[in-house]
């Protein structure tokens, strides 16, 4: 499979043979597993002290006629602290009491990280890369690629040196990707509830991803464009290539990135 190489002016200046991994079949099931496994590693472990609210002398004496029973004392028959001389203290231990345990609290022993085999994860990333080269899959994901000059898009290594947002936007416009940038910007909306007042309170659709071999300023140049991500080849992941477990993200490659991908 071959692809055109474009200059910073948006003009084709040659062609390049794509690495063999772009011919791999798209495994949506593996990609979804890999994305969920990566996201699970970002969860914060939760769980209170296992015996919280239980370290008390409170005991429930349920037999009505037994010695020390709570019956006929004018108080609720609930677990109460044991005081000297057989007296009853305050209600403890039950969830609705003061200083009582929580009902069904988060368990510290719960497994929150989903594991995936190394070979499966690598296969999923290669499959997600192959999906970025299939225009039909990219369009089915919701990207506006009808105006793109060709697909997949490969730009000369000078792409990695663009450090100004204006220059990056101009290049993407010359490649025919303005409509997808506008889609991501237009569909951004605030989250409901308390999220609106916190960091990350805006929900932004994912637009294209720029994959480069080296960062010579491009990360700074594209970081303020809504929905656009820049990633080095060595930092590629299933989550970046298939946000939300959906394969076929719009991608722009540099020549240097393709050279590094040949060894994958």
Protein backbone atom coordinates (compact mmCIF):
# COMPACT_ATOMS: atom_id res chain seq x y z
CA UNK A 1 0.00 0.00 0.00
CA UNK A 2 1.32 3.44 -0.99
CA UNK A 3 0.46 6.94 0.19
CA UNK A 4 1.25 10.43 -1.06
CA UNK A 5 3.70 12.62 0.86
CA UNK A 6 2.54 16.22 1.25
CA UNK A 7 4.61 19.32 1.88
CA UNK A 8 3.70 22.10 4.30
CA UNK A 9 2.03 23.83 1.35
CA UNK A 10 -0.39 20.93 0.97
CA UNK A 11 1.10 19.77 -2.33
CA UNK A 12 2.03 16.17 -3.11
CA UNK A 13 5.76 15.76 -3.56
CA UNK A 14 6.15 12.01 -3.84
CA UNK A 15 4.90 8.73 -2.43
CA UNK A 16 5.95 6.26 0.24
CA UNK A 17 5.34 2.57 0.86
CA UNK A 18 3.34 2.09 4.06
CA UNK A 19 4.59 -0.38 6.70
CA UNK A 20 3.19 -3.90 6.61
CA UNK A 21 1.12 -3.39 9.77
CA UNK A 22 -1.34 -1.20 7.82
CA UNK A 23 -2.48 -4.35 6.00
CA UNK A 24 -3.49 -6.17 9.19
CA UNK A 25 -7.17 -6.99 9.79
CA UNK A 26 -9.09 -4.68 12.12
CA UNK A 27 -9.91 -6.60 15.32
CA UNK A 28 -12.57 -4.49 17.04
CA UNK A 29 -12.84 -6.96 19.92
CA UNK A 30 -9.13 -6.80 20.75
CA UNK A 31 -9.06 -3.01 20.39
CA UNK A 32 -11.95 -2.64 22.84
CA UNK A 33 -10.23 -4.91 25.38
CA UNK A 34 -6.98 -2.98 25.09
CA UNK A 35 -8.67 0.41 25.55
CA UNK A 36 -10.59 -0.75 28.62
CA UNK A 37 -7.43 -2.26 30.10
CA UNK A 38 -5.54 1.03 29.61
CA UNK A 39 -8.36 3.08 31.12
CA UNK A 40 -8.61 0.78 34.13
CA UNK A 41 -5.00 1.61 35.06
CA UNK A 42 -5.98 5.26 35.51
CA UNK A 43 -8.60 4.53 38.17
CA UNK A 44 -7.81 5.61 41.69
CA UNK A 45 -7.92 2.75 44.23
CA UNK A 46 -10.68 3.34 46.79
CA UNK A 47 -11.77 1.63 49.97
CA UNK A 48 -12.05 2.54 53.63
CA UNK A 49 -10.43 0.71 56.51
CA UNK A 50 -11.90 -2.77 56.48
CA UNK A 51 -13.08 -2.69 60.13
CA UNK A 52 -14.19 0.95 60.19
CA UNK A 53 -17.23 1.35 62.47
CA UNK A 54 -16.87 -2.20 63.80
CA UNK A 55 -14.25 -1.64 66.51
CA UNK A 56 -16.71 -1.24 69.34
CA UNK A 57 -18.07 -3.24 72.25
CA UNK A 58 -21.62 -2.79 70.94
CA UNK A 59 -23.61 -6.01 70.94
CA UNK A 60 -27.19 -6.88 70.09
CA UNK A 61 -28.99 -8.95 72.71
CA UNK A 62 -31.87 -10.32 70.73
CA UNK A 63 -33.42 -12.97 73.01
CA UNK A 64 -36.33 -11.23 74.68
CA UNK A 65 -36.32 -13.08 77.99
CA UNK A 66 -32.57 -13.66 78.39
CA UNK A 67 -30.40 -12.02 81.04
CA UNK A 68 -29.45 -8.47 80.07
CA UNK A 69 -32.03 -8.26 77.28
CA UNK A 70 -33.11 -4.84 76.03
CA UNK A 71 -36.82 -5.67 76.17
CA UNK A 72 -39.06 -3.49 78.37
CA UNK A 73 -36.38 -0.83 78.92
CA UNK A 74 -37.99 1.87 76.75
CA UNK A 75 -35.11 2.01 74.30
CA UNK A 76 -34.66 0.69 70.78
CA UNK A 77 -33.41 -2.87 70.51
CA UNK A 78 -30.22 -2.19 68.58
CA UNK A 79 -26.53 -2.97 69.16
CA UNK A 80 -25.42 -0.86 72.12
CA UNK A 81 -22.12 -0.25 73.86
CA UNK A 82 -21.44 -2.36 76.94
CA UNK A 83 -20.92 -0.19 80.01
CA UNK A 84 -19.95 -1.16 83.57
CA UNK A 85 -22.54 -2.77 85.85
CA UNK A 86 -24.66 -4.03 82.96
CA UNK A 87 -25.70 -0.63 81.70
CA UNK A 88 -26.40 0.09 78.03
CA UNK A 89 -24.52 2.75 76.09
CA UNK A 90 -25.14 4.42 72.76
CA UNK A 91 -26.15 2.65 69.58
CA UNK A 92 -23.10 1.74 67.49
CA UNK A 93 -22.08 -0.50 64.57
CA UNK A 94 -25.25 -0.32 62.46
CA UNK A 95 -25.10 1.99 59.39
CA UNK A 96 -27.80 4.40 60.59
CA UNK A 97 -26.10 5.03 63.96
CA UNK A 98 -23.57 7.68 64.87
CA UNK A 99 -20.02 6.43 64.15
CA UNK A 100 -21.52 3.31 62.59
CA UNK A 101 -20.14 1.42 59.62
CA UNK A 102 -21.06 2.31 56.05
CA UNK A 103 -23.58 0.18 54.21
CA UNK A 104 -21.88 -1.59 51.30
CA UNK A 105 -18.71 0.56 51.28
CA UNK A 106 -16.10 0.37 48.49
CA UNK A 107 -13.91 -2.63 49.22
CA UNK A 108 -10.11 -2.17 49.33
CA UNK A 109 -9.61 -5.70 48.02
CA UNK A 110 -11.64 -5.08 44.85
CA UNK A 111 -9.68 -5.65 41.63
CA UNK A 112 -10.03 -2.51 39.50
CA UNK A 113 -7.28 -3.14 36.93
CA UNK A 114 -8.20 -5.23 33.90
CA UNK A 115 -5.23 -7.13 32.56
CA UNK A 116 -4.41 -7.98 28.96
CA UNK A 117 -1.62 -10.11 27.55
CA UNK A 118 1.32 -8.22 26.04
CA UNK A 119 0.96 -9.93 22.67
CA UNK A 120 -2.76 -9.17 22.59
CA UNK A 121 -2.14 -5.50 23.44
CA UNK A 122 0.50 -5.15 20.70
CA UNK A 123 -1.82 -6.85 18.24
CA UNK A 124 -4.61 -4.43 19.23
CA UNK A 125 -2.40 -1.35 18.70
CA UNK A 126 -1.29 -2.59 15.27
CA UNK A 127 -4.92 -3.30 14.40
CA UNK A 128 -5.93 0.21 15.52
CA UNK A 129 -3.15 1.68 13.35
CA UNK A 130 -4.46 -0.28 10.38
CA UNK A 131 -7.94 1.14 11.01
CA UNK A 132 -6.60 4.71 10.76
CA UNK A 133 -5.56 3.98 7.14
CA UNK A 134 -9.03 2.78 6.10
CA UNK A 135 -11.09 5.76 4.95
CA UNK A 136 -14.35 3.81 5.20
CA UNK A 137 -13.70 2.93 8.85
CA UNK A 138 -12.63 6.50 9.65
CA UNK A 139 -15.78 7.92 8.08
CA UNK A 140 -17.96 5.39 9.91
CA UNK A 141 -16.50 6.65 13.20
CA UNK A 142 -17.94 10.10 12.46
CA UNK A 143 -14.95 12.01 11.09
CA UNK A 144 -15.48 14.51 8.27
CA UNK A 145 -12.94 13.27 5.72
CA UNK A 146 -14.78 13.92 2.45
CA UNK A 147 -12.61 16.99 1.82
CA UNK A 148 -9.30 15.23 2.50
CA UNK A 149 -6.92 15.24 -0.48
CA UNK A 150 -6.13 11.55 -0.08
CA UNK A 151 -6.00 8.89 2.58
CA UNK A 152 -3.98 8.03 4.61
CA UNK A 153 -2.30 11.43 5.05
CA UNK A 154 1.50 11.59 5.27
CA UNK A 155 3.38 14.89 5.65
CA UNK A 156 7.09 15.62 5.33
CA UNK A 157 9.24 15.74 8.46
CA UNK A 158 8.99 19.54 8.57
CA UNK A 159 5.59 18.91 10.20
CA UNK A 160 7.40 18.07 13.44
CA UNK A 161 8.92 21.59 13.63
CA UNK A 162 5.64 23.55 13.57
CA UNK A 163 5.44 25.27 16.95
CA UNK A 164 2.68 27.81 16.25
CA UNK A 165 -1.00 26.95 16.37
CA UNK A 166 -1.69 29.20 13.38
CA UNK A 167 0.77 27.26 11.21
CA UNK A 168 -0.68 23.89 12.25
CA UNK A 169 -4.23 25.04 11.47
CA UNK A 170 -3.15 26.34 8.07
CA UNK A 171 -1.52 23.02 7.20
CA UNK A 172 -4.58 21.01 8.26
CA UNK A 173 -6.79 23.33 6.19
CA UNK A 174 -4.59 22.75 3.12
CA UNK A 175 -4.94 19.00 3.66
CA UNK A 176 -8.74 19.37 3.66
CA UNK A 177 -9.34 18.64 7.35
CA UNK A 178 -10.93 21.93 8.42
CA UNK A 179 -14.42 20.43 8.51
CA UNK A 180 -13.38 17.80 11.06
CA UNK A 181 -11.75 20.44 13.28
CA UNK A 182 -14.93 22.49 13.07
CA UNK A 183 -17.01 19.42 13.97
CA UNK A 184 -15.01 18.88 17.17
CA UNK A 185 -15.22 22.55 18.12
CA UNK A 186 -18.92 22.87 17.32
CA UNK A 187 -19.96 19.79 19.30
CA UNK A 188 -18.05 20.68 22.48
CA UNK A 189 -20.45 21.15 25.38
CA UNK A 190 -20.29 21.46 29.18
CA UNK A 191 -20.93 18.40 31.29
CA UNK A 192 -24.01 18.35 33.48
CA UNK A 193 -24.04 18.53 37.26
CA UNK A 194 -21.02 19.24 39.44
CA UNK A 195 -18.62 18.45 36.58
CA UNK A 196 -19.31 21.86 35.05
CA UNK A 197 -17.39 23.61 37.83
CA UNK A 198 -14.43 21.28 37.85
CA UNK A 199 -11.43 20.59 35.69
CA UNK A 200 -12.49 18.65 32.63
CA UNK A 201 -16.00 20.08 32.83
CA UNK A 202 -16.28 20.34 29.04
CA UNK A 203 -16.97 17.31 26.87
CA UNK A 204 -15.00 17.58 23.63
CA UNK A 205 -15.26 15.16 20.70
CA UNK A 206 -11.96 13.69 19.50
CA UNK A 207 -10.74 15.03 16.18
CA UNK A 208 -7.54 13.91 14.44
CA UNK A 209 -4.32 12.59 15.95
CA UNK A 210 -0.91 13.68 14.65
CA UNK A 211 1.64 10.86 14.90
CA UNK A 212 5.28 11.96 14.73
CA UNK A 213 8.71 10.44 15.14
CA UNK A 214 10.18 13.34 17.15
CA UNK A 215 8.81 16.38 18.93
CA UNK A 216 10.53 19.49 17.58
CA UNK A 217 7.71 21.87 18.50
CA UNK A 218 4.58 20.21 17.12
CA UNK A 219 3.23 19.26 20.57
CA UNK A 220 3.20 22.93 21.58
CA UNK A 221 1.77 23.99 18.24
CA UNK A 222 -1.24 21.65 18.32
CA UNK A 223 -2.08 21.47 22.03
CA UNK A 224 -4.68 24.28 21.90
CA UNK A 225 -6.62 22.92 18.92
CA UNK A 226 -9.86 21.40 20.17
CA UNK A 227 -9.96 17.62 19.84
CA UNK A 228 -6.44 17.27 18.36
CA UNK A 229 -3.78 15.07 19.97
CA UNK A 230 -0.08 14.73 19.15
CA UNK A 231 1.68 11.50 20.06
CA UNK A 232 5.14 10.06 19.48
CA UNK A 233 5.41 6.60 17.94
CA UNK A 234 6.87 5.14 21.14
CA UNK A 235 3.89 6.50 23.13
CA UNK A 236 1.18 5.06 20.89
CA UNK A 237 -1.66 3.33 22.71
CA UNK A 238 -5.01 1.80 21.89
CA UNK A 239 -6.82 4.60 23.76
CA UNK A 240 -5.26 7.32 21.59
CA UNK A 241 -5.94 5.47 18.33
CA UNK A 242 -9.45 4.32 19.27
CA UNK A 243 -11.08 6.68 21.81
CA UNK A 244 -14.12 5.13 23.43
CA UNK A 245 -13.09 1.70 22.05
CA UNK A 246 -14.16 2.80 18.53
CA UNK A 247 -11.45 2.17 15.95
CA UNK A 248 -10.79 4.39 12.93
CA UNK A 249 -9.54 7.70 14.31
CA UNK A 250 -8.48 10.29 11.73
CA UNK A 251 -4.67 10.37 11.66
CA UNK A 252 -1.87 12.41 10.08
CA UNK A 253 1.58 10.82 9.94
CA UNK A 254 5.02 12.31 9.50
CA UNK A 255 7.65 10.58 7.37
CA UNK A 256 9.73 9.91 10.47
CA UNK A 257 6.79 8.21 12.17
CA UNK A 258 6.35 5.79 9.26
CA UNK A 259 10.05 4.94 9.35
CA UNK A 260 9.78 3.96 13.02
CA UNK A 261 6.59 1.98 12.42
CA UNK A 262 8.38 -0.26 9.93
CA UNK A 263 10.04 -2.06 12.85
CA UNK A 264 6.73 -2.76 14.63
